[in-house]
Every structure is written in structure tokens, then in C-alpha cells.
Amino acid sequence: MFTILLVIIYLAFISLGLPDSLLGSAWPIMQTDLGVSFGAAGIISMIISGGTIISSFASGRIIKRFGTGKVTIVSVAMTAFALLGFSIFPSFIWLCIMAIPLGLGAGSVDAALNNFVALHYKANHMSWLHCFWGVGATTGPIIMSFFITKNNGWSNGYFAISMIQMSLVLILFATLPLWKTVEKKDNKKEIEEEKNTEKINSFKIPGVKLALVSFVCYCATETTAGLWGSSFLVNQKGFSADEAARWIAIFYAGITVGRFLSGFLTMKFNNRVLIRTGQIICAVGAFILILPLPTYFAIVGLVLIGLGCAPIYPCMLHETPTRFGRSASQSVMGVQMAFAYIGSTLMPPILGFIAVKTSIVIYPYYLLALILIMLVGSERINVFMKNRQTNLEMIK
């Protein structure tokens, strides 16, 4: 039963990644067809991000009421409906309207699945699941490229992805009893504790604010590194545009491959060790970008940042029940996901604004500052957890 459900969750994570890279890959064609400016993609992206943040904040209460299985089914159905809307009514206003359910669905299913895996499966699956998200994010543009190349248009690409999502909805519906069975395995004590935590503000739980800082900084680091890395290589290190694009692809490949490998490392090392190691590797990578080294060392720096990012996010997510208790984990998970999206939405544009006023040379310093803040936040949580454990042992 657990194995069957795990396979479904892996499929769901691929599904999560499929729509995430569609807009960027199809926009050069979409912009022309829609008759809008190049920057209009930012409006659609911001609406999607806003919906994701809102649904992540609300996910704790919604999932406690309806259960992970039902929320996952409805959320995936919302994304499928939104993508279908993208394909049927290709106008900019309609895309903005459909971006709302796309964002709302993505936030709820992300928080629901991450918490479910953190509670019921080992840490290696969390890393591999996020690796499978990368498979989805890579496959989406490939599917879109196929339809654009065949002159069938980007709308048919969106239609194909929506049908894949619809198929997953049917599979999720058929396996709904499995979700309910697994969730009922929580003992009575945990259920009673969960009822008592419904009235607790997640922000007041000790250590949560430090965790939120870490999530903001992590997602800001990953998104900023990917978004502005090519500009840094071209304008600061003298790479050609096509060379820079290829090396940024390697950066993302480093994250995906690194998460596959970190799944095996979780069998030997605990989450805290892998989080710390990843953050240190990221810091070394950023520091290499700062140093006046030969040009191609910049590639080494970016690859190290990608590899360092690999274990951090899935391990921080999996650590949530350990840090804050199983009963509060869903509420905390939703807030963490919301702040993660805030980091990825707001922090990269801030660097862009600073770079316009100064220079893209600020890029590695900005990344290093984010990484160090994340490292300090994580280590302070570890100290808090150690002190809490010591106090509990003294009471016993």
C-alpha cells in the first residue's frame, strides 16, 4: 500500500514540475501571438506566484479539514483546468484569469505532498521526489518545443500538459482510499495534539521564524542564481550569450543530479548534516565567483552553488516534523512554502534593481549574503533543538 501510494506521489511531483517552466519556454512565440510586450510575462508570473503564496498560507487549515488526498486531487484538477484554459482561449486577459487557479492549485498540492512525505516516508524519498520535480520541469519545455516545432502552436502544448494533469486526477481519485488509510495510522495522541494546535499561530512556535528566514534565503539563492547567472557570465566574465545559456543549464542539472545523489546520502547522514554541507558548498561557490580567478572558474562557482542547493530544500522540508512536532507540521509546512515562494518571487527582482543602479558585479555578493543568512538561521535552529532535547532529558 505504501509503495503504491509512493509511486503516485512520484508521478504527482513530475506533474508539479511540468507547468513551472512552460511560460518561459513558450513566451517568445506567445508574446507575438498575443500582441503584448515582452515584459507582460512578468504579470502572469506574478499572478501565479501570488496565488501560490495565498494557498500555501491557507493549506494547513484546508488539509486538516479535508485530508491530503482530497486536497491533492482538487489542486491538480485546478492546475489542469487552468492549463486547459490557456490552450482554449489564447488572449492575455484570459491567461491572467487562468493564472489564478494555476497558482492556487500549485501552492496547495506542494504543501500537502511535502508534509505527507515528511510525515510518512524517509528523507531519501524527499530528495528523490524533488529530483523528479526537476524531471517534470525539464520535460515541460520539451513537450512545448515539440508542438511549436510541428507548427501546432503553443496552445496545443498547453493542451497536452493539461491532459497529462487530467490523467493524474483520475489516478489520484482511484487511489483516494489509500491516502485515507495511511493518514488514519496516526495514533490517537497525535490526533488529539493536532486538534489542540489548530488554534496555535504557527509564527509563535519557537524556531519557526528562523526556519522561515532560511526558506526565503534558500529559494532566493536558487532563483537568483538561475535568473541572473547568464547576465553575470556575459557582462562580467565575457562569455557569449549561447555559452552562458548552456552553463546555466548545467547549474540546474547540478541541482537535479545532486538531489538524486543526496537521496543516497540521507541513508548515511541526517538532514542537519546535509543541510549544513549544502550551505557551505554554496558559500564556497559564491566566494569563487567573487575572487579574481581565471574566467572559467566562474563556471565552477555556479556548478558548486547548484550542487550545494541540491540537498538543502528537501532536507529542510523533511526536517519540519522533527523541528516542530508532527501535530504542527502541516500548518508550519504551509507557512514555510509560502515564504519560500515569497523569496523566489521578490528577491531576484531586488537584485535586478540593485544591478541597474550599480552593476551585475554585485551578483555573487548578493548570493553570498543570502547563503550566509540562511546558514546562520539553520544553525540557530539546530542550537534551539539541541537545547530543547537537553531540557527534555533533564525533566525525564
Protein backbone atom coordinates (compact mmCIF):
# COMPACT_ATOMS: atom_id res chain seq x y z
CA MET A 1 0.00 0.00 0.00
CA PHE A 2 2.75 2.45 0.99
CA THR A 3 4.68 1.54 -2.16
CA ILE A 4 1.70 2.10 -4.48
CA LEU A 5 0.99 5.47 -2.87
CA LEU A 6 4.65 6.44 -3.12
CA VAL A 7 4.59 5.75 -6.88
CA ILE A 8 1.53 8.03 -7.18
CA ILE A 9 3.35 10.76 -5.24
CA TYR A 10 6.36 10.48 -7.56
CA LEU A 11 4.02 10.95 -10.53
CA ALA A 12 2.47 13.93 -8.76
CA PHE A 13 5.88 15.57 -8.30
CA ILE A 14 6.60 15.20 -12.02
CA SER A 15 3.20 16.78 -12.59
CA LEU A 16 4.14 19.64 -10.26
CA GLY A 17 7.19 20.44 -12.37
CA LEU A 18 5.54 20.23 -15.80
CA PRO A 19 3.78 23.65 -15.79
CA ASP A 20 6.53 25.55 -13.97
CA SER A 21 8.78 26.09 -16.98
CA LEU A 22 6.12 26.31 -19.72
CA LEU A 23 5.56 30.07 -19.68
CA GLY A 24 9.23 30.95 -20.07
CA SER A 25 9.86 28.39 -22.80
CA ALA A 26 6.82 29.37 -24.88
CA TRP A 27 6.77 33.13 -24.26
CA PRO A 28 8.79 34.27 -27.33
CA ILE A 29 6.01 32.78 -29.51
CA MET A 30 3.17 33.64 -27.13
CA GLN A 31 4.20 37.30 -26.99
CA THR A 32 3.89 37.66 -30.75
CA ASP A 33 0.59 35.80 -30.96
CA LEU A 34 -0.95 37.74 -28.07
CA GLY A 35 0.36 41.10 -29.29
CA VAL A 36 1.75 42.14 -25.89
CA SER A 37 5.11 43.43 -24.66
CA PHE A 38 7.94 41.10 -23.70
CA GLY A 39 7.61 42.11 -20.03
CA ALA A 40 3.94 41.07 -19.90
CA ALA A 41 5.07 37.57 -18.93
CA GLY A 42 6.04 39.05 -15.58
CA ILE A 43 2.40 39.97 -14.90
CA ILE A 44 1.23 36.40 -15.49
CA SER A 45 4.11 35.05 -13.42
CA MET A 46 3.33 37.39 -10.52
CA ILE A 47 -0.34 36.35 -10.51
CA ILE A 48 0.66 32.69 -10.40
CA SER A 49 3.12 33.37 -7.58
CA GLY A 50 0.53 35.40 -5.66
CA GLY A 51 -2.00 32.57 -5.86
CA THR A 52 0.65 30.07 -4.76
CA ILE A 53 1.58 32.15 -1.72
CA ILE A 54 -2.07 32.61 -0.67
CA SER A 55 -2.92 28.90 -0.99
CA SER A 56 0.26 27.89 0.86
CA PHE A 57 -0.69 30.07 3.83
CA ALA A 58 -4.19 28.55 3.89
CA SER A 59 -3.11 24.96 3.19
CA GLY A 60 -2.71 23.94 6.83
CA ARG A 61 -6.35 24.53 7.73
CA ILE A 62 -7.67 23.20 4.43
CA ILE A 63 -5.69 19.95 4.62
CA LYS A 64 -6.65 19.37 8.26
CA ARG A 65 -10.30 19.64 7.28
CA PHE A 66 -10.38 17.66 4.03
CA GLY A 67 -7.25 15.47 4.13
CA THR A 68 -4.19 15.30 1.89
CA GLY A 69 -5.78 13.06 -0.75
CA LYS A 70 -8.80 15.25 -1.46
CA VAL A 71 -6.76 18.46 -1.43
CA THR A 72 -4.25 16.92 -3.85
CA ILE A 73 -7.00 15.82 -6.25
CA VAL A 74 -8.72 19.23 -6.26
CA SER A 75 -5.40 21.10 -6.56
CA VAL A 76 -4.19 19.06 -9.54
CA ALA A 77 -7.64 19.43 -11.12
CA MET A 78 -7.35 23.21 -10.73
CA THR A 79 -3.96 23.26 -12.48
CA ALA A 80 -5.32 21.02 -15.25
CA PHE A 81 -8.34 23.30 -15.71
CA ALA A 82 -6.10 26.39 -15.79
CA LEU A 83 -3.76 24.89 -18.39
CA LEU A 84 -6.77 23.87 -20.48
CA GLY A 85 -7.96 27.48 -20.26
CA PHE A 86 -4.55 28.64 -21.50
CA SER A 87 -4.97 26.45 -24.59
CA ILE A 88 -8.63 27.15 -25.44
CA PHE A 89 -8.77 30.94 -25.03
CA PRO A 90 -5.40 32.39 -26.11
CA SER A 91 -5.77 36.01 -25.01
CA PHE A 92 -3.67 37.90 -22.49
CA ILE A 93 -6.61 38.81 -20.22
CA TRP A 94 -7.79 35.21 -20.19
CA LEU A 95 -4.29 33.97 -19.37
CA CYS A 96 -4.21 36.34 -16.39
CA ILE A 97 -7.58 34.97 -15.21
CA MET A 98 -6.44 31.33 -15.62
CA ALA A 99 -3.20 32.14 -13.79
CA ILE A 100 -5.26 32.45 -10.57
CA PRO A 101 -6.38 28.78 -10.30
CA LEU A 102 -2.97 27.70 -11.62
CA GLY A 103 -1.24 29.42 -8.70
CA LEU A 104 -3.82 28.41 -6.09
CA GLY A 105 -3.66 24.76 -7.12
CA ALA A 106 0.13 24.64 -7.22
CA GLY A 107 0.54 26.05 -3.69
CA SER A 108 -1.91 23.67 -2.02
CA VAL A 109 -0.63 20.48 -3.65
CA ASP A 110 3.00 21.43 -2.98
CA ALA A 111 2.43 21.96 0.75
CA ALA A 112 0.20 18.88 1.04
CA LEU A 113 2.58 16.44 -0.64
CA ASN A 114 5.72 17.76 1.05
CA ASN A 115 4.19 17.41 4.51
CA PHE A 116 2.73 13.97 3.72
CA VAL A 117 6.15 12.69 2.64
CA ALA A 118 7.89 14.32 5.63
CA LEU A 119 5.49 12.53 7.99
CA HIS A 120 5.25 9.10 6.37
CA TYR A 121 8.42 8.44 4.34
CA LYS A 122 12.20 8.53 4.80
CA ALA A 123 14.40 11.51 3.89
CA ASN A 124 15.80 9.84 0.76
CA HIS A 125 12.36 9.92 -0.86
CA MET A 126 12.05 13.66 -0.24
CA SER A 127 15.29 14.26 -2.16
CA TRP A 128 14.33 11.92 -4.98
CA LEU A 129 10.85 13.40 -5.23
CA HIS A 130 12.30 16.88 -5.72
CA CYS A 131 14.63 15.37 -8.28
CA PHE A 132 11.51 14.11 -10.08
CA TRP A 133 10.12 17.65 -9.93
CA GLY A 134 13.20 18.57 -11.97
CA VAL A 135 12.29 15.82 -14.45
CA GLY A 136 8.87 17.44 -14.86
CA ALA A 137 10.34 20.94 -15.18
CA THR A 138 12.70 19.63 -17.88
CA THR A 139 10.01 17.65 -19.73
CA GLY A 140 7.55 20.56 -19.93
CA PRO A 141 9.67 22.67 -22.33
CA ILE A 142 10.48 19.54 -24.39
CA ILE A 143 6.76 18.88 -24.92
CA MET A 144 6.13 22.55 -25.69
CA SER A 145 9.07 22.64 -28.12
CA PHE A 146 7.68 19.59 -29.96
CA PHE A 147 4.34 21.28 -30.61
CA ILE A 148 5.92 24.61 -31.58
CA THR A 149 8.34 22.86 -33.97
CA LYS A 150 5.48 20.96 -35.59
CA ASN A 151 3.71 24.30 -36.15
CA ASN A 152 0.82 23.19 -33.99
CA GLY A 153 1.27 26.23 -31.76
CA TRP A 154 1.93 26.81 -28.09
CA SER A 155 -1.78 26.41 -27.24
CA ASN A 156 -1.61 22.73 -28.21
CA GLY A 157 1.44 22.36 -25.98
CA TYR A 158 -0.59 23.65 -23.04
CA PHE A 159 -3.46 21.35 -24.04
CA ALA A 160 -1.15 18.30 -23.99
CA ILE A 161 0.14 19.17 -20.50
CA SER A 162 -3.42 19.73 -19.26
CA MET A 163 -4.39 16.25 -20.47
CA ILE A 164 -1.45 14.75 -18.59
CA GLN A 165 -2.67 16.56 -15.48
CA MET A 166 -6.23 15.30 -16.08
CA SER A 167 -4.92 11.73 -16.27
CA LEU A 168 -3.22 12.21 -12.91
CA VAL A 169 -6.51 13.47 -11.43
CA LEU A 170 -8.17 10.18 -12.44
CA ILE A 171 -5.33 8.16 -10.90
CA LEU A 172 -5.48 10.20 -7.68
CA PHE A 173 -9.24 9.74 -7.47
CA ALA A 174 -8.91 5.96 -7.87
CA THR A 175 -6.32 5.80 -5.07
CA LEU A 176 -8.11 8.14 -2.64
CA PRO A 177 -8.83 5.30 -0.14
CA LEU A 178 -5.07 4.70 0.18
CA TRP A 179 -4.48 8.27 1.37
CA LYS A 180 -7.20 7.92 3.99
CA THR A 181 -5.79 4.62 5.26
CA VAL A 182 -2.27 5.99 5.68
CA GLU A 183 -3.46 9.14 7.43
CA LYS A 184 -5.55 7.10 9.89
CA LYS A 185 -2.41 5.32 11.06
CA ASP A 186 -1.53 8.37 13.18
CA ASN A 187 -2.20 7.36 16.77
CA LYS A 188 -4.88 8.95 18.94
CA LYS A 189 -2.41 11.05 20.87
CA GLU A 190 -1.15 12.76 17.70
CA ILE A 191 -4.73 13.39 16.52
CA GLU A 192 -5.60 14.99 19.85
CA GLU A 193 -2.44 17.12 19.73
CA GLU A 194 -3.36 18.22 16.20
CA LYS A 195 -6.75 19.41 17.41
CA ASN A 196 -5.05 21.40 20.13
CA THR A 197 -2.66 23.06 17.69
CA GLU A 198 -5.39 24.31 15.37
CA LYS A 199 -5.70 27.43 17.50
CA ILE A 200 -1.94 27.98 17.69
CA ASN A 201 -0.36 30.62 15.49
CA SER A 202 2.48 28.96 13.57
CA PHE A 203 4.55 32.12 13.87
CA LYS A 204 4.53 31.75 17.67
CA ILE A 205 6.04 28.25 17.65
CA PRO A 206 9.68 28.52 18.83
CA GLY A 207 12.13 28.33 15.92
CA VAL A 208 9.58 28.84 13.14
CA LYS A 209 10.67 32.41 12.33
CA LEU A 210 14.28 31.25 11.90
CA ALA A 211 13.07 28.47 9.58
CA LEU A 212 11.11 30.98 7.51
CA VAL A 213 14.24 33.12 7.10
CA SER A 214 16.10 30.04 5.88
CA PHE A 215 13.37 29.18 3.36
CA VAL A 216 13.25 32.73 2.00
CA CYS A 217 17.03 32.80 1.60
CA TYR A 218 17.25 29.34 0.05
CA CYS A 219 14.64 29.97 -2.66
CA ALA A 220 16.05 33.45 -3.23
CA THR A 221 19.51 31.90 -3.72
CA GLU A 222 18.36 29.24 -6.17
CA THR A 223 16.11 31.52 -8.22
CA THR A 224 18.53 34.47 -8.25
CA ALA A 225 21.46 32.28 -9.26
CA GLY A 226 19.47 30.85 -12.18
CA LEU A 227 17.82 34.08 -13.32
CA TRP A 228 20.86 36.38 -13.30
CA GLY A 229 23.69 33.88 -13.75
CA SER A 230 23.72 34.19 -17.53
CA SER A 231 23.83 38.01 -17.34
CA PHE A 232 26.75 37.78 -14.91
CA LEU A 233 28.68 35.43 -17.19
CA VAL A 234 28.09 37.61 -20.25
CA ASN A 235 28.56 41.10 -18.79
CA GLN A 236 31.15 40.39 -16.11
CA LYS A 237 33.08 37.33 -17.31
CA GLY A 238 32.94 37.85 -21.09
CA PHE A 239 31.05 34.71 -22.12
CA SER A 240 28.92 34.71 -25.26
CA ALA A 241 25.16 34.52 -24.76
CA ASP A 242 24.88 30.94 -26.05
CA GLU A 243 27.78 29.78 -23.86
CA ALA A 244 26.22 31.39 -20.81
CA ALA A 245 22.85 29.76 -21.51
CA ARG A 246 24.47 26.33 -21.71
CA TRP A 247 26.28 26.78 -18.41
CA ILE A 248 23.13 27.94 -16.64
CA ALA A 249 21.52 24.72 -17.87
CA ILE A 250 24.40 22.89 -16.17
CA PHE A 251 23.60 24.80 -12.97
CA TYR A 252 20.04 23.40 -13.00
CA ALA A 253 21.33 19.96 -13.96
CA GLY A 254 23.60 20.17 -10.90
CA ILE A 255 20.55 20.66 -8.68
CA THR A 256 18.65 17.76 -10.26
CA VAL A 257 21.58 15.31 -10.25
CA GLY A 258 22.61 16.49 -6.80
CA ARG A 259 19.15 15.69 -5.41
CA PHE A 260 19.33 12.22 -6.89
CA LEU A 261 22.67 11.65 -5.18
CA SER A 262 21.62 13.27 -1.91
CA GLY A 263 18.80 10.70 -1.69
CA PHE A 264 21.51 8.08 -1.14
CA LEU A 265 23.45 10.31 1.24
CA THR A 266 20.40 10.63 3.51
CA MET A 267 20.80 6.92 4.24
CA LYS A 268 24.15 7.66 5.90
CA PHE A 269 23.85 11.26 7.13
CA ASN A 270 20.99 13.07 8.89
CA ASN A 271 19.16 16.07 7.45
CA ARG A 272 21.03 18.63 9.55
CA VAL A 273 24.43 17.45 8.30
CA LEU A 274 23.31 17.57 4.66
CA ILE A 275 21.70 21.00 5.06
CA ARG A 276 24.89 22.40 6.61
CA THR A 277 27.12 20.75 4.00
CA GLY A 278 25.00 22.08 1.14
CA GLN A 279 25.06 25.61 2.54
CA ILE A 280 28.85 25.52 2.94
CA ILE A 281 29.28 24.27 -0.64
CA CYS A 282 27.02 27.10 -1.85
CA ALA A 283 29.09 29.64 0.10
CA VAL A 284 32.32 28.29 -1.43
CA GLY A 285 30.77 28.56 -4.90
CA ALA A 286 29.69 32.18 -4.33
CA PHE A 287 33.12 33.04 -2.92
CA ILE A 288 34.79 31.61 -6.03
CA LEU A 289 32.63 33.95 -8.16
CA ILE A 290 33.91 36.89 -6.13
CA LEU A 291 37.62 36.02 -6.37
CA PRO A 292 39.64 37.40 -9.33
CA LEU A 293 40.27 33.95 -10.79
CA PRO A 294 40.51 32.88 -14.46
CA THR A 295 37.21 33.20 -16.31
CA TYR A 296 36.16 29.57 -16.32
CA PHE A 297 36.33 29.37 -12.53
CA ALA A 298 33.01 31.22 -12.67
CA ILE A 299 31.51 28.03 -14.09
CA VAL A 300 32.99 26.05 -11.21
CA GLY A 301 31.39 28.51 -8.79
CA LEU A 302 27.95 28.17 -10.39
CA VAL A 303 28.13 24.37 -10.52
CA LEU A 304 29.10 24.28 -6.83
CA ILE A 305 26.14 26.51 -5.96
CA GLY A 306 23.86 24.15 -7.90
CA LEU A 307 25.25 21.04 -6.20
CA GLY A 308 25.10 22.77 -2.82
CA CYS A 309 21.46 23.73 -3.34
CA ALA A 310 20.51 20.12 -4.08
CA PRO A 311 20.10 18.72 -0.54
CA ILE A 312 19.08 21.90 1.29
CA TYR A 313 15.43 22.35 0.29
CA PRO A 314 14.23 18.72 0.51
CA CYS A 315 16.12 18.14 3.76
CA MET A 316 14.69 21.31 5.35
CA LEU A 317 11.20 20.19 4.34
CA HIS A 318 11.71 16.69 5.70
CA GLU A 319 13.07 18.08 8.96
CA THR A 320 9.83 20.00 9.65
CA PRO A 321 8.08 17.34 11.82
CA THR A 322 11.32 16.80 13.78
CA ARG A 323 11.82 20.50 14.36
CA PHE A 324 8.26 21.48 15.27
CA GLY A 325 6.39 18.25 16.01
CA ARG A 326 4.16 16.06 13.85
CA SER A 327 0.99 17.71 15.10
CA ALA A 328 2.03 21.20 13.96
CA SER A 329 3.95 20.15 10.85
CA GLN A 330 1.18 20.73 8.28
CA SER A 331 0.47 24.28 9.45
CA VAL A 332 4.17 25.08 9.61
CA MET A 333 4.79 23.43 6.24
CA GLY A 334 2.22 25.66 4.56
CA VAL A 335 3.78 28.80 6.03
CA GLN A 336 7.26 27.62 5.03
CA MET A 337 6.13 27.02 1.45
CA ALA A 338 4.51 30.46 1.33
CA PHE A 339 7.72 32.15 2.48
CA ALA A 340 9.73 30.04 0.05
CA TYR A 341 7.60 31.40 -2.81
CA ILE A 342 7.95 34.93 -1.41
CA GLY A 343 11.72 34.52 -1.55
CA SER A 344 11.72 33.25 -5.12
CA THR A 345 9.25 35.94 -6.24
CA LEU A 346 10.65 39.07 -4.61
CA MET A 347 14.37 38.63 -4.05
CA PRO A 348 15.59 38.16 -7.67
CA PRO A 349 13.91 41.41 -8.84
CA ILE A 350 15.59 43.22 -5.94
CA LEU A 351 18.98 42.16 -7.29
CA GLY A 352 17.92 43.35 -10.74
CA PHE A 353 17.02 46.76 -9.31
CA ILE A 354 20.36 47.00 -7.48
CA ALA A 355 22.27 45.89 -10.59
CA VAL A 356 20.61 48.62 -12.67
CA LYS A 357 21.76 51.22 -10.14
CA THR A 358 25.24 49.72 -9.78
CA SER A 359 26.45 46.73 -11.83
CA ILE A 360 25.89 43.00 -12.19
CA VAL A 361 29.19 42.63 -10.32
CA ILE A 362 27.01 42.69 -7.19
CA TYR A 363 25.60 39.24 -8.15
CA PRO A 364 27.99 36.95 -6.19
CA TYR A 365 27.99 39.27 -3.15
CA TYR A 366 24.20 39.17 -3.08
CA LEU A 367 24.22 35.38 -3.30
CA LEU A 368 26.85 35.06 -0.58
CA ALA A 369 24.85 37.30 1.76
CA LEU A 370 21.71 35.17 1.24
CA ILE A 371 23.64 31.93 1.79
CA LEU A 372 25.28 33.16 4.99
CA ILE A 373 21.97 34.39 6.43
CA MET A 374 20.44 31.00 5.60
CA LEU A 375 23.36 29.20 7.25
CA VAL A 376 23.13 31.27 10.43
CA GLY A 377 19.35 30.73 10.63
CA SER A 378 19.69 26.96 10.22
CA GLU A 379 22.46 26.69 12.80
CA ARG A 380 20.45 28.69 15.32
CA ILE A 381 17.54 26.26 14.85
CA ASN A 382 19.95 23.37 15.49
CA VAL A 383 21.08 25.01 18.73
CA PHE A 384 17.46 25.50 19.76
CA MET A 385 16.66 21.85 19.04
CA LYS A 386 19.71 20.66 20.99
CA ASN A 387 18.74 22.80 23.99
CA ARG A 388 15.15 21.54 23.83
CA GLN A 389 16.32 17.94 23.76
CA THR A 390 18.63 18.57 26.73
CA ASN A 391 15.78 20.10 28.73
CA LEU A 392 13.52 17.13 27.96
CA GLU A 393 16.20 14.69 29.08
CA MET A 394 16.67 16.65 32.32
CA ILE A 395 12.92 16.52 33.00
CA LYS A 396 12.92 12.75 32.48
